[in-house]
Amino acid sequence: MRVNKLSLAVLAGATLYGVVYFMASHGDAFKFAERTIRNSRSLETRIGKVDNVRIPLFSPYRERFFNSEASAAMTVEVTGAMRTVELKLKMKKTNDHWMVEHASLDGAPVILN
């Protein structure tokens, strides 16, 4: 049986995307974001108690590293008791400590305290 090169390339691309998605959803930046979101009282007042935080399959995700610093930008889907929203985050890691530089909900800035 002859395997088409295009089929092989599509399979390799899908596999690579799956690995990147898995790494992103289990990475340090996402774990910090999830913890911050779950502990945010201001977000809870808007959407209710947070039930689930996840990275949607085809949403933007970027993580960069430089020496001991890192940055991450991602869109996460947050499901609360009252509604589900997409939250956009920009974060920075300095000296092994992550912080949220900017967060927005429905295009408006939101403070995750």
PDB file of N, CA and C in Angstrom:
ATOM      1  N   MET A   1       0.848  -1.169   0.000  1.00  0.00           N
ATOM      2  CA  MET A   1       0.000   0.000   0.000  1.00  0.00           C
ATOM      3  C   MET A   1       0.896   1.236   0.000  1.00  0.00           C
ATOM      4  N   ARG A   2       0.631   2.138  -0.879  1.00  0.00           N
ATOM      5  CA  ARG A   2       1.420   3.346  -1.029  1.00  0.00           C
ATOM      6  C   ARG A   2       0.779   4.492  -0.246  1.00  0.00           C
ATOM      7  N   VAL A   3       1.583   5.146   0.587  1.00  0.00           N
ATOM      8  CA  VAL A   3       1.084   6.240   1.400  1.00  0.00           C
ATOM      9  C   VAL A   3       1.341   7.554   0.677  1.00  0.00           C
ATOM     10  N   ASN A   4       0.328   8.316   0.540  1.00  0.00           N
ATOM     11  CA  ASN A   4       0.411   9.608  -0.107  1.00  0.00           C
ATOM     12  C   ASN A   4       1.223  10.560   0.783  1.00  0.00           C
ATOM     13  N   LYS A   5       2.141  11.327   0.200  1.00  0.00           N
ATOM     14  CA  LYS A   5       2.975  12.255   0.966  1.00  0.00           C
ATOM     15  C   LYS A   5       2.137  13.317   1.668  1.00  0.00           C
ATOM     16  N   LEU A   6       1.086  13.764   1.015  1.00  0.00           N
ATOM     17  CA  LEU A   6       0.211  14.762   1.628  1.00  0.00           C
ATOM     18  C   LEU A   6      -0.470  14.192   2.868  1.00  0.00           C
ATOM     19  N   SER A   7      -0.949  12.964   2.791  1.00  0.00           N
ATOM     20  CA  SER A   7      -1.587  12.322   3.945  1.00  0.00           C
ATOM     21  C   SER A   7      -0.606  12.187   5.096  1.00  0.00           C
ATOM     22  N   LEU A   8       0.619  11.839   4.774  1.00  0.00           N
ATOM     23  CA  LEU A   8       1.651  11.702   5.791  1.00  0.00           C
ATOM     24  C   LEU A   8       1.970  13.051   6.436  1.00  0.00           C
ATOM     25  N   ALA A   9       2.016  14.105   5.623  1.00  0.00           N
ATOM     26  CA  ALA A   9       2.278  15.448   6.144  1.00  0.00           C
ATOM     27  C   ALA A   9       1.133  15.918   7.039  1.00  0.00           C
ATOM     28  N   VAL A  10      -0.097  15.641   6.647  1.00  0.00           N
ATOM     29  CA  VAL A  10      -1.266  16.020   7.458  1.00  0.00           C
ATOM     30  C   VAL A  10      -1.240  15.270   8.788  1.00  0.00           C
ATOM     31  N   LEU A  11      -0.930  14.007   8.756  1.00  0.00           N
ATOM     32  CA  LEU A  11      -0.852  13.207   9.969  1.00  0.00           C
ATOM     33  C   LEU A  11       0.259  13.723  10.893  1.00  0.00           C
ATOM     34  N   ALA A  12       1.410  14.034  10.310  1.00  0.00           N
ATOM     35  CA  ALA A  12       2.522  14.562  11.107  1.00  0.00           C
ATOM     36  C   ALA A  12       2.156  15.918  11.715  1.00  0.00           C
ATOM     37  N   GLY A  13       1.494  16.787  10.949  1.00  0.00           N
ATOM     38  CA  GLY A  13       1.077  18.093  11.446  1.00  0.00           C
ATOM     39  C   GLY A  13       0.061  17.974  12.566  1.00  0.00           C
ATOM     40  N   ALA A  14      -0.899  17.080  12.417  1.00  0.00           N
ATOM     41  CA  ALA A  14      -1.919  16.870  13.450  1.00  0.00           C
ATOM     42  C   ALA A  14      -1.283  16.316  14.722  1.00  0.00           C
ATOM     43  N   THR A  15      -0.337  15.419  14.567  1.00  0.00           N
ATOM     44  CA  THR A  15       0.363  14.856  15.722  1.00  0.00           C
ATOM     45  C   THR A  15       1.160  15.929  16.443  1.00  0.00           C
ATOM     46  N   LEU A  16       1.862  16.752  15.692  1.00  0.00           N
ATOM     47  CA  LEU A  16       2.636  17.837  16.282  1.00  0.00           C
ATOM     48  C   LEU A  16       1.727  18.813  17.019  1.00  0.00           C
ATOM     49  N   TYR A  17       0.603  19.171  16.411  1.00  0.00           N
ATOM     50  CA  TYR A  17      -0.339  20.079  17.062  1.00  0.00           C
ATOM     51  C   TYR A  17      -0.867  19.465  18.357  1.00  0.00           C
ATOM     52  N   GLY A  18      -1.166  18.180  18.334  1.00  0.00           N
ATOM     53  CA  GLY A  18      -1.644  17.488  19.532  1.00  0.00           C
ATOM     54  C   GLY A  18      -0.618  17.519  20.653  1.00  0.00           C
ATOM     55  N   VAL A  19       0.641  17.325  20.317  1.00  0.00           N
ATOM     56  CA  VAL A  19       1.710  17.370  21.324  1.00  0.00           C
ATOM     57  C   VAL A  19       1.830  18.778  21.898  1.00  0.00           C
ATOM     58  N   VAL A  20       1.816  19.798  21.041  1.00  0.00           N
ATOM     59  CA  VAL A  20       1.916  21.191  21.493  1.00  0.00           C
ATOM     60  C   VAL A  20       0.721  21.546  22.375  1.00  0.00           C
ATOM     61  N   TYR A  21      -0.482  21.143  21.978  1.00  0.00           N
ATOM     62  CA  TYR A  21      -1.687  21.409  22.765  1.00  0.00           C
ATOM     63  C   TYR A  21      -1.582  20.755  24.141  1.00  0.00           C
ATOM     64  N   PHE A  22      -1.136  19.508  24.184  1.00  0.00           N
ATOM     65  CA  PHE A  22      -0.991  18.800  25.451  1.00  0.00           C
ATOM     66  C   PHE A  22       0.026  19.500  26.344  1.00  0.00           C
ATOM     67  N   MET A  23       1.165  19.884  25.766  1.00  0.00           N
ATOM     68  CA  MET A  23       2.217  20.558  26.549  1.00  0.00           C
ATOM     69  C   MET A  23       1.702  21.895  27.090  1.00  0.00           C
ATOM     70  N   ALA A  24       0.978  22.645  26.273  1.00  0.00           N
ATOM     71  CA  ALA A  24       0.459  23.946  26.696  1.00  0.00           C
ATOM     72  C   ALA A  24      -0.531  23.786  27.842  1.00  0.00           C
ATOM     73  N   SER A  25      -1.422  22.822  27.737  1.00  0.00           N
ATOM     74  CA  SER A  25      -2.464  22.660  28.749  1.00  0.00           C
ATOM     75  C   SER A  25      -1.945  22.011  30.029  1.00  0.00           C
ATOM     76  N   HIS A  26      -0.705  21.564  30.025  1.00  0.00           N
ATOM     77  CA  HIS A  26      -0.114  20.990  31.227  1.00  0.00           C
ATOM     78  C   HIS A  26       1.132  21.758  31.662  1.00  0.00           C
ATOM     79  N   GLY A  27       1.370  22.901  31.040  1.00  0.00           N
ATOM     80  CA  GLY A  27       2.559  23.689  31.321  1.00  0.00           C
ATOM     81  C   GLY A  27       2.413  24.597  32.526  1.00  0.00           C
ATOM     82  N   ASP A  28       3.529  25.138  32.928  1.00  0.00           N
ATOM     83  CA  ASP A  28       3.630  26.020  34.080  1.00  0.00           C
ATOM     84  C   ASP A  28       2.750  27.264  33.923  1.00  0.00           C
ATOM     85  N   ALA A  29       2.768  27.871  32.745  1.00  0.00           N
ATOM     86  CA  ALA A  29       1.991  29.097  32.511  1.00  0.00           C
ATOM     87  C   ALA A  29       0.493  28.823  32.654  1.00  0.00           C
ATOM     88  N   PHE A  30       0.011  27.745  32.063  1.00  0.00           N
ATOM     89  CA  PHE A  30      -1.417  27.438  32.153  1.00  0.00           C
ATOM     90  C   PHE A  30      -1.817  27.097  33.585  1.00  0.00           C
ATOM     91  N   LYS A  31      -0.982  26.352  34.288  1.00  0.00           N
ATOM     92  CA  LYS A  31      -1.299  26.001  35.678  1.00  0.00           C
ATOM     93  C   LYS A  31      -1.428  27.260  36.539  1.00  0.00           C
ATOM     94  N   PHE A  32      -0.519  28.233  36.318  1.00  0.00           N
ATOM     95  CA  PHE A  32      -0.624  29.499  37.050  1.00  0.00           C
ATOM     96  C   PHE A  32      -1.913  30.225  36.675  1.00  0.00           C
ATOM     97  N   ALA A  33      -2.208  30.293  35.377  1.00  0.00           N
ATOM     98  CA  ALA A  33      -3.425  30.975  34.909  1.00  0.00           C
ATOM     99  C   ALA A  33      -4.666  30.327  35.510  1.00  0.00           C
ATOM    100  N   GLU A  34      -4.730  29.015  35.497  1.00  0.00           N
ATOM    101  CA  GLU A  34      -5.898  28.312  36.040  1.00  0.00           C
ATOM    102  C   GLU A  34      -6.064  28.604  37.530  1.00  0.00           C
ATOM    103  N   ARG A  35      -4.997  28.550  38.284  1.00  0.00           N
ATOM    104  CA  ARG A  35      -5.048  28.827  39.730  1.00  0.00           C
ATOM    105  C   ARG A  35      -5.526  30.261  39.986  1.00  0.00           C
ATOM    106  N   THR A  36      -4.984  31.206  39.208  1.00  0.00           N
ATOM    107  CA  THR A  36      -5.359  32.608  39.358  1.00  0.00           C
ATOM    108  C   THR A  36      -6.835  32.817  39.035  1.00  0.00           C
ATOM    109  N   ILE A  37      -7.308  32.199  37.966  1.00  0.00           N
ATOM    110  CA  ILE A  37      -8.708  32.320  37.550  1.00  0.00           C
ATOM    111  C   ILE A  37      -9.640  31.726  38.609  1.00  0.00           C
ATOM    112  N   ARG A  38      -9.311  30.548  39.094  1.00  0.00           N
ATOM    113  CA  ARG A  38     -10.158  29.893  40.099  1.00  0.00           C
ATOM    114  C   ARG A  38     -10.220  30.679  41.405  1.00  0.00           C
ATOM    115  N   ASN A  39      -9.164  31.440  41.724  1.00  0.00           N
ATOM    116  CA  ASN A  39      -9.125  32.210  42.970  1.00  0.00           C
ATOM    117  C   ASN A  39      -9.624  33.649  42.815  1.00  0.00           C
ATOM    118  N   SER A  40     -10.025  34.039  41.614  1.00  0.00           N
ATOM    119  CA  SER A  40     -10.431  35.409  41.357  1.00  0.00           C
ATOM    120  C   SER A  40     -11.873  35.672  41.803  1.00  0.00           C
ATOM    121  N   ARG A  41     -12.020  36.493  42.827  1.00  0.00           N
ATOM    122  CA  ARG A  41     -13.354  36.849  43.309  1.00  0.00           C
ATOM    123  C   ARG A  41     -14.050  37.782  42.319  1.00  0.00           C
ATOM    124  N   SER A  42     -13.294  38.672  41.667  1.00  0.00           N
ATOM    125  CA  SER A  42     -13.924  39.593  40.712  1.00  0.00           C
ATOM    126  C   SER A  42     -14.479  38.836  39.500  1.00  0.00           C
ATOM    127  N   LEU A  43     -13.799  37.797  39.057  1.00  0.00           N
ATOM    128  CA  LEU A  43     -14.311  36.992  37.950  1.00  0.00           C
ATOM    129  C   LEU A  43     -15.514  36.173  38.404  1.00  0.00           C
ATOM    130  N   GLU A  44     -15.457  35.679  39.622  1.00  0.00           N
ATOM    131  CA  GLU A  44     -16.576  34.890  40.155  1.00  0.00           C
ATOM    132  C   GLU A  44     -17.866  35.705  40.217  1.00  0.00           C
ATOM    133  N   THR A  45     -17.763  37.009  40.504  1.00  0.00           N
ATOM    134  CA  THR A  45     -18.969  37.834  40.543  1.00  0.00           C
ATOM    135  C   THR A  45     -19.585  38.000  39.159  1.00  0.00           C
ATOM    136  N   ARG A  46     -18.780  37.865  38.113  1.00  0.00           N
ATOM    137  CA  ARG A  46     -19.287  38.017  36.734  1.00  0.00           C
ATOM    138  C   ARG A  46     -19.842  36.743  36.139  1.00  0.00           C
ATOM    139  N   ILE A  47     -19.221  35.593  36.464  1.00  0.00           N
ATOM    140  CA  ILE A  47     -19.625  34.347  35.798  1.00  0.00           C
ATOM    141  C   ILE A  47     -20.083  33.254  36.746  1.00  0.00           C
ATOM    142  N   GLY A  48     -20.001  33.512  38.041  1.00  0.00           N
ATOM    143  CA  GLY A  48     -20.346  32.492  39.022  1.00  0.00           C
ATOM    144  C   GLY A  48     -19.126  31.669  39.394  1.00  0.00           C
ATOM    145  N   LYS A  49     -19.308  30.730  40.280  1.00  0.00           N
ATOM    146  CA  LYS A  49     -18.203  29.878  40.724  1.00  0.00           C
ATOM    147  C   LYS A  49     -17.603  29.148  39.519  1.00  0.00           C
ATOM    148  N   VAL A  50     -16.297  29.208  39.401  1.00  0.00           N
ATOM    149  CA  VAL A  50     -15.604  28.611  38.256  1.00  0.00           C
ATOM    150  C   VAL A  50     -15.643  27.091  38.361  1.00  0.00           C
ATOM    151  N   ASP A  51     -16.181  26.464  37.308  1.00  0.00           N
ATOM    152  CA  ASP A  51     -16.253  25.011  37.240  1.00  0.00           C
ATOM    153  C   ASP A  51     -15.123  24.414  36.420  1.00  0.00           C
ATOM    154  N   ASN A  52     -14.754  25.097  35.330  1.00  0.00           N
ATOM    155  CA  ASN A  52     -13.771  24.521  34.413  1.00  0.00           C
ATOM    156  C   ASN A  52     -12.964  25.627  33.735  1.00  0.00           C
ATOM    157  N   VAL A  53     -11.676  25.377  33.559  1.00  0.00           N
ATOM    158  CA  VAL A  53     -10.786  26.266  32.823  1.00  0.00           C
ATOM    159  C   VAL A  53     -10.039  25.400  31.832  1.00  0.00           C
ATOM    160  N   ARG A  54     -10.091  25.778  30.558  1.00  0.00           N
ATOM    161  CA  ARG A  54      -9.392  24.974  29.555  1.00  0.00           C
ATOM    162  C   ARG A  54      -8.932  25.844  28.396  1.00  0.00           C
ATOM    163  N   ILE A  55      -7.966  25.343  27.671  1.00  0.00           N
ATOM    164  CA  ILE A  55      -7.512  26.004  26.452  1.00  0.00           C
ATOM    165  C   ILE A  55      -8.327  25.411  25.309  1.00  0.00           C
ATOM    166  N   PRO A  56      -9.133  26.215  24.618  1.00  0.00           N
ATOM    167  CA  PRO A  56      -9.881  25.684  23.472  1.00  0.00           C
ATOM    168  C   PRO A  56      -8.919  25.130  22.420  1.00  0.00           C
ATOM    169  N   LEU A  57      -9.366  24.145  21.688  1.00  0.00           N
ATOM    170  CA  LEU A  57      -8.505  23.405  20.765  1.00  0.00           C
ATOM    171  C   LEU A  57      -7.756  24.290  19.776  1.00  0.00           C
ATOM    172  N   PHE A  58      -8.401  25.250  19.164  1.00  0.00           N
ATOM    173  CA  PHE A  58      -7.730  26.062  18.146  1.00  0.00           C
ATOM    174  C   PHE A  58      -7.555  27.516  18.572  1.00  0.00           C
ATOM    175  N   SER A  59      -7.409  27.751  19.861  1.00  0.00           N
ATOM    176  CA  SER A  59      -7.244  29.124  20.334  1.00  0.00           C
ATOM    177  C   SER A  59      -5.771  29.527  20.312  1.00  0.00           C
ATOM    178  N   PRO A  60      -5.513  30.836  20.286  1.00  0.00           N
ATOM    179  CA  PRO A  60      -4.130  31.299  20.278  1.00  0.00           C
ATOM    180  C   PRO A  60      -3.418  30.980  21.589  1.00  0.00           C
ATOM    181  N   TYR A  61      -2.182  30.549  21.475  1.00  0.00           N
ATOM    182  CA  TYR A  61      -1.335  30.269  22.628  1.00  0.00           C
ATOM    183  C   TYR A  61       0.103  30.546  22.223  1.00  0.00           C
ATOM    184  N   ARG A  62       0.785  31.336  23.025  1.00  0.00           N
ATOM    185  CA  ARG A  62       2.191  31.634  22.727  1.00  0.00           C
ATOM    186  C   ARG A  62       2.956  31.671  24.045  1.00  0.00           C
ATOM    187  N   GLU A  63       4.092  31.020  24.050  1.00  0.00           N
ATOM    188  CA  GLU A  63       4.951  31.048  25.225  1.00  0.00           C
ATOM    189  C   GLU A  63       6.381  31.250  24.736  1.00  0.00           C
ATOM    190  N   ARG A  64       7.073  32.187  25.365  1.00  0.00           N
ATOM    191  CA  ARG A  64       8.451  32.494  24.980  1.00  0.00           C
ATOM    192  C   ARG A  64       9.337  32.469  26.210  1.00  0.00           C
ATOM    193  N   PHE A  65      10.579  32.045  26.014  1.00  0.00           N
ATOM    194  CA  PHE A  65      11.548  31.964  27.092  1.00  0.00           C
ATOM    195  C   PHE A  65      12.794  32.739  26.717  1.00  0.00           C
ATOM    196  N   PHE A  66      13.368  33.441  27.689  1.00  0.00           N
ATOM    197  CA  PHE A  66      14.638  34.138  27.500  1.00  0.00           C
ATOM    198  C   PHE A  66      15.361  34.146  28.838  1.00  0.00           C
ATOM    199  N   ASN A  67      16.437  33.381  28.916  1.00  0.00           N
ATOM    200  CA  ASN A  67      17.197  33.220  30.163  1.00  0.00           C
ATOM    201  C   ASN A  67      16.262  32.792  31.285  1.00  0.00           C
ATOM    202  N   SER A  68      16.161  33.555  32.356  1.00  0.00           N
ATOM    203  CA  SER A  68      15.307  33.163  33.475  1.00  0.00           C
ATOM    204  C   SER A  68      13.914  33.783  33.379  1.00  0.00           C
ATOM    205  N   GLU A  69      13.642  34.500  32.287  1.00  0.00           N
ATOM    206  CA  GLU A  69      12.332  35.122  32.113  1.00  0.00           C
ATOM    207  C   GLU A  69      11.521  34.371  31.062  1.00  0.00           C
ATOM    208  N   ALA A  70      10.220  34.500  31.184  1.00  0.00           N
ATOM    209  CA  ALA A  70       9.310  33.882  30.219  1.00  0.00           C
ATOM    210  C   ALA A  70       8.090  34.772  30.074  1.00  0.00           C
ATOM    211  N   SER A  71       7.397  34.605  28.968  1.00  0.00           N
ATOM    212  CA  SER A  71       6.123  35.296  28.776  1.00  0.00           C
ATOM    213  C   SER A  71       5.161  34.334  28.108  1.00  0.00           C
ATOM    214  N   ALA A  72       3.891  34.571  28.339  1.00  0.00           N
ATOM    215  CA  ALA A  72       2.860  33.717  27.749  1.00  0.00           C
ATOM    216  C   ALA A  72       1.646  34.567  27.424  1.00  0.00           C
ATOM    217  N   ALA A  73       1.007  34.229  26.325  1.00  0.00           N
ATOM    218  CA  ALA A  73      -0.249  34.854  25.928  1.00  0.00           C
ATOM    219  C   ALA A  73      -1.178  33.725  25.499  1.00  0.00           C
ATOM    220  N   MET A  74      -2.375  33.739  26.029  1.00  0.00           N
ATOM    221  CA  MET A  74      -3.304  32.653  25.716  1.00  0.00           C
ATOM    222  C   MET A  74      -4.743  33.112  25.859  1.00  0.00           C
ATOM    223  N   THR A  75      -5.606  32.388  25.207  1.00  0.00           N
ATOM    224  CA  THR A  75      -7.039  32.551  25.380  1.00  0.00           C
ATOM    225  C   THR A  75      -7.535  31.273  26.041  1.00  0.00           C
ATOM    226  N   VAL A  76      -8.255  31.425  27.145  1.00  0.00           N
ATOM    227  CA  VAL A  76      -8.783  30.266  27.847  1.00  0.00           C
ATOM    228  C   VAL A  76     -10.304  30.376  27.933  1.00  0.00           C
ATOM    229  N   GLU A  77     -10.937  29.243  27.920  1.00  0.00           N
ATOM    230  CA  GLU A  77     -12.386  29.180  28.086  1.00  0.00           C
ATOM    231  C   GLU A  77     -12.662  28.883  29.559  1.00  0.00           C
ATOM    232  N   VAL A  78     -13.439  29.750  30.177  1.00  0.00           N
ATOM    233  CA  VAL A  78     -13.750  29.615  31.600  1.00  0.00           C
ATOM    234  C   VAL A  78     -15.246  29.382  31.740  1.00  0.00           C
ATOM    235  N   THR A  79     -15.602  28.268  32.324  1.00  0.00           N
ATOM    236  CA  THR A  79     -17.002  27.941  32.549  1.00  0.00           C
ATOM    237  C   THR A  79     -17.329  28.182  34.018  1.00  0.00           C
ATOM    238  N   GLY A  80     -18.271  29.079  34.233  1.00  0.00           N
ATOM    239  CA  GLY A  80     -18.731  29.379  35.579  1.00  0.00           C
ATOM    240  C   GLY A  80     -20.140  28.871  35.771  1.00  0.00           C
ATOM    241  N   ALA A  81     -20.663  29.035  36.969  1.00  0.00           N
ATOM    242  CA  ALA A  81     -22.017  28.573  37.277  1.00  0.00           C
ATOM    243  C   ALA A  81     -23.073  29.314  36.466  1.00  0.00           C
ATOM    244  N   MET A  82     -22.789  30.604  36.109  1.00  0.00           N
ATOM    245  CA  MET A  82     -23.781  31.396  35.379  1.00  0.00           C
ATOM    246  C   MET A  82     -23.549  31.431  33.876  1.00  0.00           C
ATOM    247  N   ARG A  83     -22.285  31.395  33.439  1.00  0.00           N
ATOM    248  CA  ARG A  83     -22.015  31.456  32.003  1.00  0.00           C
ATOM    249  C   ARG A  83     -20.588  31.050  31.704  1.00  0.00           C
ATOM    250  N   THR A  84     -20.316  30.872  30.412  1.00  0.00           N
ATOM    251  CA  THR A  84     -18.985  30.529  29.914  1.00  0.00           C
ATOM    252  C   THR A  84     -18.443  31.714  29.131  1.00  0.00           C
ATOM    253  N   VAL A  85     -17.169  32.039  29.365  1.00  0.00           N
ATOM    254  CA  VAL A  85     -16.537  33.182  28.704  1.00  0.00           C
ATOM    255  C   VAL A  85     -15.157  32.789  28.175  1.00  0.00           C
ATOM    256  N   GLU A  86     -14.666  33.602  27.249  1.00  0.00           N
ATOM    257  CA  GLU A  86     -13.283  33.478  26.802  1.00  0.00           C
ATOM    258  C   GLU A  86     -12.494  34.607  27.440  1.00  0.00           C
ATOM    259  N   LEU A  87     -11.445  34.245  28.115  1.00  0.00           N
ATOM    260  CA  LEU A  87     -10.604  35.190  28.824  1.00  0.00           C
ATOM    261  C   LEU A  87      -9.240  35.219  28.145  1.00  0.00           C
ATOM    262  N   LYS A  88      -8.798  36.410  27.769  1.00  0.00           N
ATOM    263  CA  LYS A  88      -7.489  36.569  27.134  1.00  0.00           C
ATOM    264  C   LYS A  88      -6.496  37.025  28.187  1.00  0.00           C
ATOM    265  N   LEU A  89      -5.347  36.361  28.222  1.00  0.00           N
ATOM    266  CA  LEU A  89      -4.338  36.641  29.235  1.00  0.00           C
ATOM    267  C   LEU A  89      -2.981  36.908  28.612  1.00  0.00           C
ATOM    268  N   LYS A  90      -2.255  37.849  29.203  1.00  0.00           N
ATOM    269  CA  LYS A  90      -0.841  38.067  28.915  1.00  0.00           C
ATOM    270  C   LYS A  90      -0.139  37.993  30.258  1.00  0.00           C
ATOM    271  N   MET A  91       0.855  37.117  30.342  1.00  0.00           N
ATOM    272  CA  MET A  91       1.535  36.898  31.607  1.00  0.00           C
ATOM    273  C   MET A  91       3.048  36.975  31.414  1.00  0.00           C
ATOM    274  N   LYS A  92       3.727  37.212  32.518  1.00  0.00           N
ATOM    275  CA  LYS A  92       5.177  37.306  32.493  1.00  0.00           C
ATOM    276  C   LYS A  92       5.740  36.569  33.702  1.00  0.00           C
ATOM    277  N   LYS A  93       6.855  35.883  33.482  1.00  0.00           N
ATOM    278  CA  LYS A  93       7.530  35.166  34.559  1.00  0.00           C
ATOM    279  C   LYS A  93       8.916  35.762  34.751  1.00  0.00           C
ATOM    280  N   THR A  94       9.173  36.221  35.966  1.00  0.00           N
ATOM    281  CA  THR A  94      10.481  36.764  36.320  1.00  0.00           C
ATOM    282  C   THR A  94      10.904  36.133  37.633  1.00  0.00           C
ATOM    283  N   ASN A  95      12.133  35.653  37.676  1.00  0.00           N
ATOM    284  CA  ASN A  95      12.665  35.023  38.898  1.00  0.00           C
ATOM    285  C   ASN A  95      11.727  33.935  39.437  1.00  0.00           C
ATOM    286  N   ASP A  96      11.288  33.064  38.561  1.00  0.00           N
ATOM    287  CA  ASP A  96      10.412  31.936  38.910  1.00  0.00           C
ATOM    288  C   ASP A  96       9.052  32.336  39.465  1.00  0.00           C
ATOM    289  N   HIS A  97       8.601  33.555  39.177  1.00  0.00           N
ATOM    290  CA  HIS A  97       7.302  34.018  39.671  1.00  0.00           C
ATOM    291  C   HIS A  97       6.474  34.551  38.503  1.00  0.00           C
ATOM    292  N   TRP A  98       5.318  33.922  38.254  1.00  0.00           N
ATOM    293  CA  TRP A  98       4.415  34.368  37.201  1.00  0.00           C
ATOM    294  C   TRP A  98       3.542  35.511  37.718  1.00  0.00           C
ATOM    295  N   MET A  99       3.193  36.426  36.815  1.00  0.00           N
ATOM    296  CA  MET A  99       2.221  37.471  37.137  1.00  0.00           C
ATOM    297  C   MET A  99       1.403  37.770  35.884  1.00  0.00           C
ATOM    298  N   VAL A 100       0.152  38.146  36.083  1.00  0.00           N
ATOM    299  CA  VAL A 100      -0.722  38.521  34.969  1.00  0.00           C
ATOM    300  C   VAL A 100      -0.456  39.986  34.655  1.00  0.00           C
ATOM    301  N   GLU A 101      -0.016  40.252  33.425  1.00  0.00           N
ATOM    302  CA  GLU A 101       0.203  41.638  32.995  1.00  0.00           C
ATOM    303  C   GLU A 101      -1.082  42.275  32.502  1.00  0.00           C
ATOM    304  N   HIS A 102      -1.916  41.472  31.826  1.00  0.00           N
ATOM    305  CA  HIS A 102      -3.162  41.990  31.267  1.00  0.00           C
ATOM    306  C   HIS A 102      -4.146  40.831  31.106  1.00  0.00           C
ATOM    307  N   ALA A 103      -5.385  41.096  31.445  1.00  0.00           N
ATOM    308  CA  ALA A 103      -6.464  40.129  31.237  1.00  0.00           C
ATOM    309  C   ALA A 103      -7.665  40.881  30.693  1.00  0.00           C
ATOM    310  N   SER A 104      -8.362  40.275  29.740  1.00  0.00           N
ATOM    311  CA  SER A 104      -9.559  40.922  29.204  1.00  0.00           C
ATOM    312  C   SER A 104     -10.675  39.903  29.005  1.00  0.00           C
ATOM    313  N   LEU A 105     -11.870  40.381  29.229  1.00  0.00           N
ATOM    314  CA  LEU A 105     -13.083  39.586  29.112  1.00  0.00           C
ATOM    315  C   LEU A 105     -14.046  40.360  28.237  1.00  0.00           C
ATOM    316  N   ASP A 106     -14.469  39.776  27.131  1.00  0.00           N
ATOM    317  CA  ASP A 106     -15.344  40.445  26.180  1.00  0.00           C
ATOM    318  C   ASP A 106     -14.735  41.757  25.700  1.00  0.00           C
ATOM    319  N   GLY A 107     -13.417  41.795  25.557  1.00  0.00           N
ATOM    320  CA  GLY A 107     -12.713  42.984  25.068  1.00  0.00           C
ATOM    321  C   GLY A 107     -12.432  44.051  26.109  1.00  0.00           C
ATOM    322  N   ALA A 108     -12.955  43.887  27.321  1.00  0.00           N
ATOM    323  CA  ALA A 108     -12.749  44.873  28.380  1.00  0.00           C
ATOM    324  C   ALA A 108     -11.753  44.324  29.393  1.00  0.00           C
ATOM    325  N   PRO A 109     -10.860  45.191  29.876  1.00  0.00           N
ATOM    326  CA  PRO A 109      -9.891  44.732  30.882  1.00  0.00           C
ATOM    327  C   PRO A 109     -10.589  44.231  32.140  1.00  0.00           C
ATOM    328  N   VAL A 110     -10.010  43.211  32.727  1.00  0.00           N
ATOM    329  CA  VAL A 110     -10.530  42.667  33.982  1.00  0.00           C
ATOM    330  C   VAL A 110      -9.343  42.419  34.910  1.00  0.00           C
ATOM    331  N   ILE A 111      -9.550  42.706  36.169  1.00  0.00           N
ATOM    332  CA  ILE A 111      -8.505  42.481  37.180  1.00  0.00           C
ATOM    333  C   ILE A 111      -8.791  41.135  37.833  1.00  0.00           C
ATOM    334  N   LEU A 112      -7.802  40.272  37.821  1.00  0.00           N
ATOM    335  CA  LEU A 112      -7.940  38.968  38.477  1.00  0.00           C
ATOM    336  C   LEU A 112      -7.228  39.068  39.826  1.00  0.00           C
ATOM    337  N   ASN A 113      -7.983  39.292  40.870  1.00  0.00           N
ATOM    338  CA  ASN A 113      -7.364  39.448  42.186  1.00  0.00           C
ATOM    339  C   ASN A 113      -7.592  38.231  43.045  1.00  0.00           C
TER     340      ASN A 113
END
